Amino acid sequence: MELQQFYFPSYENNLDAVERNGLLLQYIANQDERLCLAAIRNNPKAIKYVEHQTEKLCLIAVQRSGDLLKYVHTQTPAICLAAVKTEGIAIQYVHEITEEIAICAVAQNGFALKYIHHQTEEICKIAITTNPYAIKYVIHQSERLSLFAVQRDCFSIQEIPNPSENVCTLAIQSNASVIRYIDHPNIELYRYALKINPKVFKYLPTRLQEKFCME
């Protein structure tokens, strides 16, 4: 059934309706801030149906659910900051990403780095601190950032293509079994992993198992 507008008998009935179900705002033609505020407090998704969005109403909505930023008609720095502080991934909806917004986003969710194209080392380090696996979204994976990631979680090495020997060694020091996630480790890395934990023998290629058994 198509219903463009739904009229309740009175303003008070309108208010009662949105207090019970905020999404009913979409059927109310004569909106004011009180009605919109009541609707958003009941269900922040009601921001989608607010005809005249104010910064106050938008802030209340995105503070409840950051991804509602996608329904905000006019973004302000305050609204964007509130959104990414609530849900870092909401940065994907930010029209103009400032360094402050980027830092707040990755501090809340390291994977927000995926949507940041102008990355600084500081932004990347904060993302990795939040979640070491965010290293996968670092555009320029320097050795310093790679070391920073595996120091926090050695298994994040699986998100680093062609890690240096220093990065591999550091990861193996933390947990020798990480050897199975390293692409084409050399024989010295296998030997080092075995020295730390002989149980990683099962992760060695058959040819190396035979070689080490003969030594």
N, C-alpha and C. Protein backbone atom coordinates (compact mmCIF):
# COMPACT_ATOMS: atom_id res chain seq x y z
N MET A 1 0.85 -1.19 0.00
CA MET A 1 0.00 0.00 0.00
C MET A 1 0.89 1.25 0.00
N GLU A 2 0.67 2.13 -0.96
CA GLU A 2 1.43 3.36 -1.00
C GLU A 2 0.81 4.38 -0.07
N LEU A 3 1.67 4.98 0.76
CA LEU A 3 1.16 5.97 1.72
C LEU A 3 2.17 7.09 1.81
N GLN A 4 1.88 8.18 1.13
CA GLN A 4 2.81 9.29 1.11
C GLN A 4 2.79 10.06 2.43
N GLN A 5 1.60 10.29 2.96
CA GLN A 5 1.47 11.04 4.21
C GLN A 5 0.40 10.37 5.06
N PHE A 6 0.66 10.33 6.34
CA PHE A 6 -0.32 9.74 7.26
C PHE A 6 -0.62 10.77 8.32
N TYR A 7 -1.90 11.09 8.47
CA TYR A 7 -2.27 12.14 9.41
C TYR A 7 -2.92 11.55 10.65
N PHE A 8 -2.33 11.84 11.78
CA PHE A 8 -2.96 11.48 13.04
C PHE A 8 -3.92 12.62 13.41
N PRO A 9 -4.90 12.34 14.24
CA PRO A 9 -5.94 13.33 14.53
C PRO A 9 -5.44 14.65 15.12
N SER A 10 -4.32 14.63 15.80
CA SER A 10 -3.85 15.86 16.44
C SER A 10 -2.34 15.84 16.58
N TYR A 11 -1.77 17.00 16.92
CA TYR A 11 -0.33 17.10 17.15
C TYR A 11 0.09 16.17 18.27
N GLU A 12 -0.68 16.12 19.33
CA GLU A 12 -0.33 15.25 20.46
C GLU A 12 -0.34 13.79 20.05
N ASN A 13 -1.27 13.45 19.16
CA ASN A 13 -1.29 12.06 18.66
C ASN A 13 -0.07 11.79 17.78
N ASN A 14 0.31 12.79 17.01
CA ASN A 14 1.55 12.66 16.22
C ASN A 14 2.75 12.40 17.13
N LEU A 15 2.82 13.21 18.19
CA LEU A 15 3.93 13.09 19.13
C LEU A 15 3.93 11.73 19.81
N ASP A 16 2.77 11.29 20.22
CA ASP A 16 2.65 9.98 20.86
C ASP A 16 3.07 8.87 19.89
N ALA A 17 2.71 9.04 18.62
CA ALA A 17 3.04 8.02 17.62
C ALA A 17 4.54 7.88 17.44
N VAL A 18 5.26 9.00 17.28
CA VAL A 18 6.71 8.91 17.06
C VAL A 18 7.47 8.53 18.32
N GLU A 19 6.89 8.80 19.48
CA GLU A 19 7.53 8.35 20.73
C GLU A 19 7.45 6.84 20.85
N ARG A 20 6.44 6.25 20.21
CA ARG A 20 6.29 4.80 20.23
C ARG A 20 7.06 4.14 19.09
N ASN A 21 7.09 4.81 17.95
CA ASN A 21 7.78 4.29 16.78
C ASN A 21 8.31 5.46 15.97
N GLY A 22 9.58 5.74 16.14
CA GLY A 22 10.18 6.91 15.51
C GLY A 22 10.08 6.93 14.00
N LEU A 23 10.04 5.75 13.38
CA LEU A 23 10.01 5.70 11.92
C LEU A 23 8.68 6.17 11.33
N LEU A 24 7.67 6.32 12.17
CA LEU A 24 6.39 6.88 11.69
C LEU A 24 6.54 8.34 11.27
N LEU A 25 7.68 8.92 11.59
CA LEU A 25 7.94 10.31 11.19
C LEU A 25 7.82 10.48 9.69
N GLN A 26 8.12 9.42 8.95
CA GLN A 26 8.09 9.51 7.49
C GLN A 26 6.69 9.83 6.95
N TYR A 27 5.66 9.60 7.76
CA TYR A 27 4.29 9.82 7.31
C TYR A 27 3.68 11.12 7.83
N ILE A 28 4.50 11.89 8.55
CA ILE A 28 4.00 13.13 9.15
C ILE A 28 4.49 14.32 8.33
N ALA A 29 3.55 15.08 7.81
CA ALA A 29 3.90 16.19 6.91
C ALA A 29 4.38 17.42 7.66
N ASN A 30 3.70 17.79 8.70
CA ASN A 30 4.03 19.02 9.42
C ASN A 30 4.95 18.70 10.61
N GLN A 31 6.24 18.67 10.32
CA GLN A 31 7.22 18.31 11.34
C GLN A 31 7.76 19.57 12.03
N ASP A 32 8.07 19.43 13.31
CA ASP A 32 8.82 20.46 14.01
C ASP A 32 9.93 19.76 14.80
N GLU A 33 10.80 20.55 15.43
CA GLU A 33 11.95 19.95 16.11
C GLU A 33 11.52 19.01 17.24
N ARG A 34 10.44 19.36 17.94
CA ARG A 34 10.00 18.50 19.04
C ARG A 34 9.60 17.11 18.54
N LEU A 35 8.85 17.07 17.45
CA LEU A 35 8.46 15.78 16.86
C LEU A 35 9.67 15.00 16.39
N CYS A 36 10.57 15.69 15.70
CA CYS A 36 11.76 15.03 15.15
C CYS A 36 12.66 14.50 16.27
N LEU A 37 12.81 15.30 17.32
CA LEU A 37 13.64 14.89 18.44
C LEU A 37 13.06 13.65 19.11
N ALA A 38 11.74 13.63 19.30
CA ALA A 38 11.09 12.47 19.91
C ALA A 38 11.27 11.24 19.04
N ALA A 39 11.16 11.41 17.74
CA ALA A 39 11.31 10.30 16.81
C ALA A 39 12.73 9.72 16.85
N ILE A 40 13.73 10.60 16.82
CA ILE A 40 15.13 10.17 16.82
C ILE A 40 15.50 9.51 18.14
N ARG A 41 14.96 10.01 19.24
CA ARG A 41 15.25 9.40 20.53
C ARG A 41 14.67 7.99 20.61
N ASN A 42 13.54 7.79 19.92
CA ASN A 42 12.96 6.44 19.88
C ASN A 42 13.76 5.55 18.94
N ASN A 43 14.11 6.09 17.78
CA ASN A 43 14.84 5.32 16.78
C ASN A 43 15.70 6.28 15.97
N PRO A 44 17.01 6.25 16.15
CA PRO A 44 17.88 7.22 15.47
C PRO A 44 17.78 7.17 13.95
N LYS A 45 17.30 6.05 13.41
CA LYS A 45 17.14 5.96 11.95
C LYS A 45 16.10 6.93 11.42
N ALA A 46 15.31 7.49 12.33
CA ALA A 46 14.30 8.47 11.91
C ALA A 46 14.93 9.72 11.30
N ILE A 47 16.23 9.92 11.51
CA ILE A 47 16.91 11.08 10.92
C ILE A 47 16.73 11.08 9.40
N LYS A 48 16.58 9.91 8.85
CA LYS A 48 16.38 9.76 7.40
C LYS A 48 15.13 10.48 6.93
N TYR A 49 14.14 10.62 7.81
CA TYR A 49 12.84 11.18 7.43
C TYR A 49 12.62 12.61 7.94
N VAL A 50 13.66 13.18 8.53
CA VAL A 50 13.56 14.56 8.99
C VAL A 50 13.68 15.49 7.79
N GLU A 51 12.67 16.31 7.59
CA GLU A 51 12.67 17.19 6.41
C GLU A 51 13.67 18.33 6.54
N HIS A 52 13.77 18.91 7.73
CA HIS A 52 14.70 20.02 7.95
C HIS A 52 15.67 19.63 9.06
N GLN A 53 16.77 19.03 8.64
CA GLN A 53 17.75 18.53 9.59
C GLN A 53 18.56 19.68 10.20
N THR A 54 18.70 19.66 11.51
CA THR A 54 19.58 20.62 12.19
C THR A 54 20.81 19.85 12.70
N GLU A 55 21.86 20.60 13.03
CA GLU A 55 23.06 19.94 13.55
C GLU A 55 22.74 19.19 14.85
N LYS A 56 21.90 19.77 15.67
CA LYS A 56 21.53 19.13 16.94
C LYS A 56 20.89 17.77 16.70
N LEU A 57 19.93 17.70 15.78
CA LEU A 57 19.24 16.45 15.50
C LEU A 57 20.20 15.41 14.90
N CYS A 58 21.05 15.87 14.01
CA CYS A 58 22.02 14.97 13.37
C CYS A 58 23.02 14.43 14.39
N LEU A 59 23.46 15.27 15.30
CA LEU A 59 24.39 14.84 16.33
C LEU A 59 23.77 13.75 17.21
N ILE A 60 22.53 13.95 17.59
CA ILE A 60 21.86 12.95 18.43
C ILE A 60 21.78 11.61 17.70
N ALA A 61 21.48 11.67 16.40
CA ALA A 61 21.35 10.44 15.61
C ALA A 61 22.69 9.71 15.46
N VAL A 62 23.73 10.42 15.05
CA VAL A 62 25.01 9.74 14.79
C VAL A 62 25.72 9.33 16.08
N GLN A 63 25.38 9.97 17.18
CA GLN A 63 25.94 9.55 18.46
C GLN A 63 25.36 8.22 18.91
N ARG A 64 24.19 7.90 18.37
CA ARG A 64 23.57 6.61 18.66
C ARG A 64 24.06 5.54 17.69
N SER A 65 24.24 5.94 16.44
CA SER A 65 24.65 5.00 15.39
C SER A 65 25.42 5.77 14.32
N GLY A 66 26.73 5.59 14.31
CA GLY A 66 27.59 6.38 13.44
C GLY A 66 27.29 6.27 11.96
N ASP A 67 26.84 5.09 11.52
CA ASP A 67 26.63 4.93 10.08
C ASP A 67 25.42 5.70 9.56
N LEU A 68 24.65 6.30 10.47
CA LEU A 68 23.53 7.15 10.03
C LEU A 68 24.03 8.44 9.38
N LEU A 69 25.34 8.64 9.43
CA LEU A 69 25.92 9.79 8.74
C LEU A 69 25.53 9.80 7.27
N LYS A 70 25.28 8.63 6.71
CA LYS A 70 24.93 8.55 5.29
C LYS A 70 23.60 9.23 4.98
N TYR A 71 22.79 9.49 6.00
CA TYR A 71 21.50 10.15 5.79
C TYR A 71 21.53 11.64 6.11
N VAL A 72 22.68 12.13 6.53
CA VAL A 72 22.80 13.54 6.89
C VAL A 72 22.95 14.38 5.63
N HIS A 73 22.08 15.35 5.47
CA HIS A 73 22.09 16.17 4.24
C HIS A 73 23.29 17.10 4.18
N THR A 74 23.59 17.76 5.29
CA THR A 74 24.70 18.71 5.32
C THR A 74 25.65 18.33 6.44
N GLN A 75 26.83 17.86 6.06
CA GLN A 75 27.81 17.42 7.05
C GLN A 75 28.58 18.61 7.62
N THR A 76 28.86 18.56 8.91
CA THR A 76 29.74 19.53 9.56
C THR A 76 30.86 18.74 10.23
N PRO A 77 31.98 19.37 10.54
CA PRO A 77 33.05 18.65 11.24
C PRO A 77 32.57 18.01 12.54
N ALA A 78 31.71 18.72 13.28
CA ALA A 78 31.21 18.18 14.56
C ALA A 78 30.39 16.92 14.35
N ILE A 79 29.54 16.92 13.33
CA ILE A 79 28.71 15.74 13.05
C ILE A 79 29.60 14.56 12.62
N CYS A 80 30.55 14.84 11.76
CA CYS A 80 31.45 13.78 11.27
C CYS A 80 32.29 13.20 12.41
N LEU A 81 32.80 14.05 13.27
CA LEU A 81 33.59 13.58 14.41
C LEU A 81 32.74 12.72 15.34
N ALA A 82 31.53 13.17 15.61
CA ALA A 82 30.65 12.39 16.48
C ALA A 82 30.35 11.03 15.87
N ALA A 83 30.16 10.99 14.56
CA ALA A 83 29.85 9.73 13.88
C ALA A 83 31.01 8.74 13.97
N VAL A 84 32.23 9.20 13.68
CA VAL A 84 33.36 8.26 13.67
C VAL A 84 33.81 7.88 15.08
N LYS A 85 33.53 8.73 16.04
CA LYS A 85 33.83 8.36 17.43
C LYS A 85 32.91 7.24 17.91
N THR A 86 31.70 7.22 17.34
CA THR A 86 30.74 6.17 17.67
C THR A 86 31.03 4.91 16.87
N GLU A 87 31.36 5.09 15.62
CA GLU A 87 31.57 3.96 14.70
C GLU A 87 32.61 4.38 13.67
N GLY A 88 33.83 3.93 13.88
CA GLY A 88 34.93 4.37 13.02
C GLY A 88 34.71 4.14 11.54
N ILE A 89 34.05 3.03 11.20
CA ILE A 89 33.81 2.70 9.80
C ILE A 89 32.91 3.73 9.12
N ALA A 90 32.22 4.55 9.90
CA ALA A 90 31.36 5.59 9.32
C ALA A 90 32.17 6.59 8.51
N ILE A 91 33.47 6.54 8.62
CA ILE A 91 34.31 7.47 7.86
C ILE A 91 34.10 7.29 6.36
N GLN A 92 33.59 6.13 5.97
CA GLN A 92 33.34 5.90 4.54
C GLN A 92 32.29 6.86 3.98
N TYR A 93 31.50 7.46 4.87
CA TYR A 93 30.45 8.39 4.42
C TYR A 93 30.86 9.86 4.57
N VAL A 94 32.06 10.10 5.09
CA VAL A 94 32.52 11.47 5.29
C VAL A 94 32.97 12.06 3.95
N HIS A 95 32.45 13.22 3.61
CA HIS A 95 32.79 13.86 2.34
C HIS A 95 34.19 14.46 2.34
N GLU A 96 34.56 15.08 3.45
CA GLU A 96 35.89 15.70 3.54
C GLU A 96 36.58 15.16 4.79
N ILE A 97 37.54 14.28 4.59
CA ILE A 97 38.22 13.64 5.70
C ILE A 97 39.43 14.47 6.12
N THR A 98 39.36 15.00 7.32
CA THR A 98 40.49 15.75 7.87
C THR A 98 41.35 14.78 8.69
N GLU A 99 42.55 15.23 9.06
CA GLU A 99 43.42 14.37 9.86
C GLU A 99 42.77 14.06 11.21
N GLU A 100 42.09 15.04 11.79
CA GLU A 100 41.44 14.82 13.08
C GLU A 100 40.35 13.76 12.98
N ILE A 101 39.56 13.82 11.93
CA ILE A 101 38.50 12.83 11.72
C ILE A 101 39.11 11.46 11.49
N ALA A 102 40.18 11.41 10.70
CA ALA A 102 40.85 10.13 10.42
C ALA A 102 41.39 9.51 11.70
N ILE A 103 42.03 10.30 12.53
CA ILE A 103 42.60 9.80 13.79
C ILE A 103 41.50 9.26 14.71
N CYS A 104 40.41 10.00 14.82
CA CYS A 104 39.30 9.55 15.67
C CYS A 104 38.70 8.25 15.14
N ALA A 105 38.61 8.14 13.83
CA ALA A 105 38.01 6.94 13.22
C ALA A 105 38.86 5.70 13.49
N VAL A 106 40.17 5.78 13.24
CA VAL A 106 41.01 4.60 13.43
C VAL A 106 41.24 4.27 14.90
N ALA A 107 41.08 5.28 15.76
CA ALA A 107 41.18 5.02 17.20
C ALA A 107 39.98 4.20 17.68
N GLN A 108 38.84 4.39 16.99
CA GLN A 108 37.65 3.63 17.35
C GLN A 108 37.65 2.26 16.68
N ASN A 109 38.11 2.21 15.42
CA ASN A 109 38.13 0.95 14.67
C ASN A 109 39.30 1.01 13.69
N GLY A 110 40.30 0.20 13.94
CA GLY A 110 41.50 0.23 13.11
C GLY A 110 41.22 0.00 11.64
N PHE A 111 40.17 -0.79 11.34
CA PHE A 111 39.86 -1.09 9.95
C PHE A 111 39.29 0.11 9.19
N ALA A 112 39.00 1.20 9.90
CA ALA A 112 38.56 2.42 9.23
C ALA A 112 39.66 2.92 8.30
N LEU A 113 40.88 2.46 8.51
CA LEU A 113 42.01 2.87 7.67
C LEU A 113 41.75 2.53 6.20
N LYS A 114 40.92 1.54 5.98
CA LYS A 114 40.58 1.10 4.62
C LYS A 114 40.03 2.26 3.78
N TYR A 115 39.35 3.22 4.43
CA TYR A 115 38.68 4.29 3.71
C TYR A 115 39.48 5.60 3.73
N ILE A 116 40.70 5.53 4.23
CA ILE A 116 41.55 6.73 4.31
C ILE A 116 42.65 6.62 3.27
N HIS A 117 42.61 7.47 2.28
CA HIS A 117 43.56 7.38 1.17
C HIS A 117 44.80 8.26 1.38
N HIS A 118 44.65 9.30 2.20
CA HIS A 118 45.80 10.14 2.53
C HIS A 118 46.27 9.75 3.92
N GLN A 119 47.14 8.76 3.97
CA GLN A 119 47.57 8.17 5.24
C GLN A 119 48.90 8.78 5.69
N THR A 120 48.98 9.06 6.98
CA THR A 120 50.25 9.47 7.58
C THR A 120 50.71 8.32 8.47
N GLU A 121 51.97 8.36 8.86
CA GLU A 121 52.47 7.30 9.74
C GLU A 121 51.72 7.31 11.08
N GLU A 122 51.39 8.51 11.55
CA GLU A 122 50.67 8.60 12.83
C GLU A 122 49.31 7.92 12.74
N ILE A 123 48.58 8.20 11.65
CA ILE A 123 47.26 7.59 11.47
C ILE A 123 47.39 6.07 11.39
N CYS A 124 48.39 5.60 10.64
CA CYS A 124 48.60 4.15 10.50
C CYS A 124 48.96 3.51 11.83
N LYS A 125 49.80 4.16 12.63
CA LYS A 125 50.21 3.59 13.92
C LYS A 125 49.03 3.51 14.88
N ILE A 126 48.18 4.53 14.85
CA ILE A 126 47.00 4.49 15.73
C ILE A 126 46.07 3.35 15.30
N ALA A 127 45.89 3.19 13.98
CA ALA A 127 45.05 2.10 13.47
C ALA A 127 45.60 0.75 13.89
N ILE A 128 46.91 0.58 13.77
CA ILE A 128 47.55 -0.69 14.12
C ILE A 128 47.51 -0.94 15.62
N THR A 129 47.62 0.14 16.39
CA THR A 129 47.51 0.00 17.84
C THR A 129 46.11 -0.48 18.22
N THR A 130 45.10 0.05 17.53
CA THR A 130 43.72 -0.37 17.78
C THR A 130 43.50 -1.81 17.34
N ASN A 131 44.03 -2.13 16.17
CA ASN A 131 43.90 -3.49 15.63
C ASN A 131 45.10 -3.78 14.74
N PRO A 132 46.02 -4.63 15.19
CA PRO A 132 47.23 -4.90 14.41
C PRO A 132 46.96 -5.38 12.98
N TYR A 133 45.80 -6.01 12.78
CA TYR A 133 45.49 -6.50 11.44
C TYR A 133 45.13 -5.38 10.47
N ALA A 134 45.03 -4.16 10.97
CA ALA A 134 44.81 -3.00 10.11
C ALA A 134 46.01 -2.76 9.20
N ILE A 135 47.13 -3.43 9.47
CA ILE A 135 48.31 -3.31 8.61
C ILE A 135 47.95 -3.66 7.16
N LYS A 136 46.92 -4.49 6.98
CA LYS A 136 46.53 -4.87 5.63
C LYS A 136 46.03 -3.68 4.81
N TYR A 137 45.57 -2.60 5.48
CA TYR A 137 45.05 -1.44 4.78
C TYR A 137 46.05 -0.29 4.70
N VAL A 138 47.26 -0.54 5.15
CA VAL A 138 48.30 0.48 5.03
C VAL A 138 48.78 0.50 3.58
N ILE A 139 48.67 1.63 2.95
CA ILE A 139 49.03 1.73 1.53
C ILE A 139 50.52 1.49 1.32
N HIS A 140 51.33 2.12 2.16
CA HIS A 140 52.78 1.94 2.05
C HIS A 140 53.28 1.24 3.32
N GLN A 141 53.39 -0.07 3.24
CA GLN A 141 53.79 -0.87 4.40
C GLN A 141 55.31 -0.77 4.59
N SER A 142 55.73 0.18 5.37
CA SER A 142 57.16 0.31 5.65
C SER A 142 57.57 -0.77 6.63
N GLU A 143 58.87 -1.00 6.72
CA GLU A 143 59.37 -2.00 7.67
C GLU A 143 59.02 -1.58 9.10
N ARG A 144 59.08 -0.29 9.36
CA ARG A 144 58.80 0.19 10.72
C ARG A 144 57.36 -0.11 11.12
N LEU A 145 56.42 0.13 10.20
CA LEU A 145 55.02 -0.15 10.49
C LEU A 145 54.75 -1.65 10.57
N SER A 146 55.43 -2.40 9.73
CA SER A 146 55.28 -3.86 9.76
C SER A 146 55.79 -4.43 11.09
N LEU A 147 56.92 -3.94 11.55
CA LEU A 147 57.45 -4.36 12.85
C LEU A 147 56.50 -3.96 13.98
N PHE A 148 55.94 -2.77 13.85
CA PHE A 148 55.00 -2.25 14.85
C PHE A 148 53.79 -3.18 14.96
N ALA A 149 53.33 -3.69 13.81
CA ALA A 149 52.16 -4.58 13.79
C ALA A 149 52.48 -5.93 14.42
N VAL A 150 53.58 -6.56 14.01
CA VAL A 150 53.87 -7.91 14.53
C VAL A 150 54.31 -7.88 15.99
N GLN A 151 54.78 -6.73 16.46
CA GLN A 151 55.07 -6.60 17.89
C GLN A 151 53.79 -6.72 18.70
N ARG A 152 52.70 -6.26 18.13
CA ARG A 152 51.42 -6.29 18.84
C ARG A 152 50.68 -7.60 18.64
N ASP A 153 50.81 -8.18 17.47
CA ASP A 153 50.21 -9.50 17.20
C ASP A 153 51.02 -10.15 16.09
N CYS A 154 51.77 -11.16 16.46
CA CYS A 154 52.68 -11.77 15.47
C CYS A 154 51.93 -12.35 14.28
N PHE A 155 50.68 -12.75 14.48
CA PHE A 155 49.92 -13.35 13.38
C PHE A 155 49.44 -12.33 12.35
N SER A 156 49.62 -11.06 12.66
CA SER A 156 49.28 -10.04 11.67
C SER A 156 50.24 -10.08 10.48
N ILE A 157 51.29 -10.88 10.60
CA ILE A 157 52.26 -11.00 9.50
C ILE A 157 51.59 -11.58 8.25
N GLN A 158 50.49 -12.30 8.44
CA GLN A 158 49.80 -12.86 7.28
C GLN A 158 49.16 -11.78 6.41
N GLU A 159 49.09 -10.55 6.94
CA GLU A 159 48.54 -9.43 6.17
C GLU A 159 49.64 -8.59 5.54
N ILE A 160 50.88 -9.09 5.64
CA ILE A 160 52.03 -8.35 5.10
C ILE A 160 52.64 -9.15 3.95
N PRO A 161 52.43 -8.72 2.71
CA PRO A 161 53.04 -9.43 1.59
C PRO A 161 54.56 -9.26 1.61
N ASN A 162 55.26 -10.34 1.42
CA ASN A 162 56.72 -10.31 1.35
C ASN A 162 57.37 -9.57 2.52
N PRO A 163 57.12 -10.01 3.75
CA PRO A 163 57.74 -9.34 4.90
C PRO A 163 59.26 -9.53 4.89
N SER A 164 59.95 -8.56 5.44
CA SER A 164 61.41 -8.65 5.49
C SER A 164 61.83 -9.71 6.50
N GLU A 165 63.09 -10.07 6.45
CA GLU A 165 63.59 -11.09 7.38
C GLU A 165 63.50 -10.61 8.83
N ASN A 166 63.71 -9.32 9.05
CA ASN A 166 63.59 -8.77 10.40
C ASN A 166 62.17 -8.91 10.94
N VAL A 167 61.20 -8.64 10.08
CA VAL A 167 59.79 -8.76 10.47
C VAL A 167 59.46 -10.22 10.77
N CYS A 168 59.92 -11.11 9.91
CA CYS A 168 59.69 -12.55 10.10
C CYS A 168 60.32 -13.04 11.40
N THR A 169 61.54 -12.62 11.65
CA THR A 169 62.25 -13.07 12.86
C THR A 169 61.52 -12.60 14.12
N LEU A 170 61.07 -11.35 14.10
CA LEU A 170 60.36 -10.82 15.25
C LEU A 170 59.06 -11.60 15.49
N ALA A 171 58.34 -11.91 14.42
CA ALA A 171 57.09 -12.67 14.54
C ALA A 171 57.36 -14.06 15.09
N ILE A 172 58.39 -14.72 14.60
CA ILE A 172 58.73 -16.08 15.04
C ILE A 172 59.16 -16.08 16.51
N GLN A 173 59.84 -15.05 16.93
CA GLN A 173 60.22 -14.93 18.34
C GLN A 173 58.99 -14.96 19.24
N SER A 174 57.92 -14.35 18.80
CA SER A 174 56.69 -14.29 19.60
C SER A 174 55.98 -15.63 19.61
N ASN A 175 55.93 -16.27 18.44
CA ASN A 175 55.25 -17.57 18.34
C ASN A 175 55.78 -18.27 17.10
N ALA A 176 56.53 -19.32 17.32
CA ALA A 176 57.20 -20.01 16.21
C ALA A 176 56.21 -20.56 15.19
N SER A 177 55.01 -20.88 15.61
CA SER A 177 54.03 -21.46 14.68
C SER A 177 53.58 -20.48 13.60
N VAL A 178 53.93 -19.22 13.77
CA VAL A 178 53.57 -18.22 12.76
C VAL A 178 54.30 -18.50 11.45
N ILE A 179 55.29 -19.36 11.47
CA ILE A 179 56.06 -19.70 10.27
C ILE A 179 55.15 -20.16 9.14
N ARG A 180 54.01 -20.78 9.50
CA ARG A 180 53.12 -21.30 8.46
C ARG A 180 52.38 -20.21 7.70
N TYR A 181 52.42 -18.99 8.21
CA TYR A 181 51.75 -17.88 7.53
C TYR A 181 52.71 -16.98 6.76
N ILE A 182 53.98 -17.35 6.76
CA ILE A 182 54.98 -16.54 6.06
C ILE A 182 55.16 -17.10 4.66
N ASP A 183 55.04 -16.23 3.66
CA ASP A 183 55.20 -16.66 2.27
C ASP A 183 56.67 -16.98 1.98
N HIS A 184 56.90 -18.20 1.59
CA HIS A 184 58.23 -18.65 1.14
C HIS A 184 59.36 -18.29 2.11
N PRO A 185 59.26 -18.72 3.36
CA PRO A 185 60.37 -18.45 4.29
C PRO A 185 61.62 -19.20 3.86
N ASN A 186 62.76 -18.60 4.13
CA ASN A 186 64.00 -19.29 3.76
C ASN A 186 64.35 -20.35 4.81
N ILE A 187 65.34 -21.14 4.51
CA ILE A 187 65.67 -22.27 5.37
C ILE A 187 66.13 -21.82 6.75
N GLU A 188 66.77 -20.65 6.83
CA GLU A 188 67.24 -20.16 8.13
C GLU A 188 66.07 -19.77 9.03
N LEU A 189 65.01 -19.26 8.44
CA LEU A 189 63.83 -18.93 9.23
C LEU A 189 63.16 -20.21 9.76
N TYR A 190 63.12 -21.24 8.91
CA TYR A 190 62.59 -22.53 9.38
C TYR A 190 63.45 -23.08 10.51
N ARG A 191 64.74 -22.96 10.34
CA ARG A 191 65.67 -23.48 11.36
C ARG A 191 65.48 -22.72 12.69
N TYR A 192 65.28 -21.41 12.56
CA TYR A 192 65.10 -20.57 13.75
C TYR A 192 63.79 -20.93 14.46
N ALA A 193 62.75 -21.15 13.67
CA ALA A 193 61.45 -21.52 14.25
C ALA A 193 61.55 -22.86 14.97
N LEU A 194 62.26 -23.81 14.38
CA LEU A 194 62.43 -25.14 15.00
C LEU A 194 63.22 -25.05 16.30
N LYS A 195 64.19 -24.15 16.33
CA LYS A 195 64.99 -23.97 17.54
C LYS A 195 64.12 -23.46 18.68
N ILE A 196 63.20 -22.56 18.36
CA ILE A 196 62.32 -22.01 19.39
C ILE A 196 61.27 -23.02 19.83
N ASN A 197 60.72 -23.73 18.85
CA ASN A 197 59.67 -24.70 19.16
C ASN A 197 59.72 -25.85 18.16
N PRO A 198 60.28 -26.99 18.56
CA PRO A 198 60.40 -28.15 17.65
C PRO A 198 59.07 -28.64 17.09
N LYS A 199 57.96 -28.28 17.73
CA LYS A 199 56.65 -28.76 17.27
C LYS A 199 56.25 -28.15 15.92
N VAL A 200 56.94 -27.09 15.51
CA VAL A 200 56.59 -26.50 14.22
C VAL A 200 57.12 -27.36 13.06
N PHE A 201 57.79 -28.44 13.38
CA PHE A 201 58.30 -29.36 12.36
C PHE A 201 57.19 -29.75 11.39
N LYS A 202 55.97 -29.92 11.91
CA LYS A 202 54.84 -30.36 11.08
C LYS A 202 54.46 -29.33 10.01
N TYR A 203 54.91 -28.09 10.17
CA TYR A 203 54.58 -27.05 9.19
C TYR A 203 55.63 -26.95 8.08
N LEU A 204 56.69 -27.70 8.20
CA LEU A 204 57.76 -27.64 7.20
C LEU A 204 57.37 -28.41 5.95
N PRO A 205 57.81 -27.94 4.78
CA PRO A 205 57.61 -28.71 3.55
C PRO A 205 58.30 -30.07 3.68
N THR A 206 57.80 -31.06 3.00
CA THR A 206 58.33 -32.43 3.11
C THR A 206 59.83 -32.48 2.84
N ARG A 207 60.27 -31.73 1.84
CA ARG A 207 61.70 -31.76 1.48
C ARG A 207 62.56 -31.27 2.63
N LEU A 208 62.06 -30.28 3.37
CA LEU A 208 62.84 -29.77 4.50
C LEU A 208 62.74 -30.69 5.71
N GLN A 209 61.61 -31.32 5.88
CA GLN A 209 61.50 -32.30 6.96
C GLN A 209 62.54 -33.40 6.77
N GLU A 210 62.67 -33.85 5.54
CA GLU A 210 63.65 -34.90 5.23
C GLU A 210 65.07 -34.39 5.45
N LYS A 211 65.31 -33.15 5.04
CA LYS A 211 66.65 -32.57 5.18
C LYS A 211 67.05 -32.46 6.64
N PHE A 212 66.12 -31.93 7.47
CA PHE A 212 66.44 -31.73 8.88
C PHE A 212 66.56 -33.07 9.62
N CYS A 213 65.82 -34.07 9.16
CA CYS A 213 65.93 -35.39 9.82
C CYS A 213 67.29 -36.02 9.55
N MET A 214 67.88 -35.64 8.42
CA MET A 214 69.17 -36.21 8.05
C MET A 214 70.33 -35.48 8.72
N GLU A 215 70.03 -34.29 9.27
CA GLU A 215 71.14 -33.53 9.89
C GLU A 215 71.49 -34.06 11.26
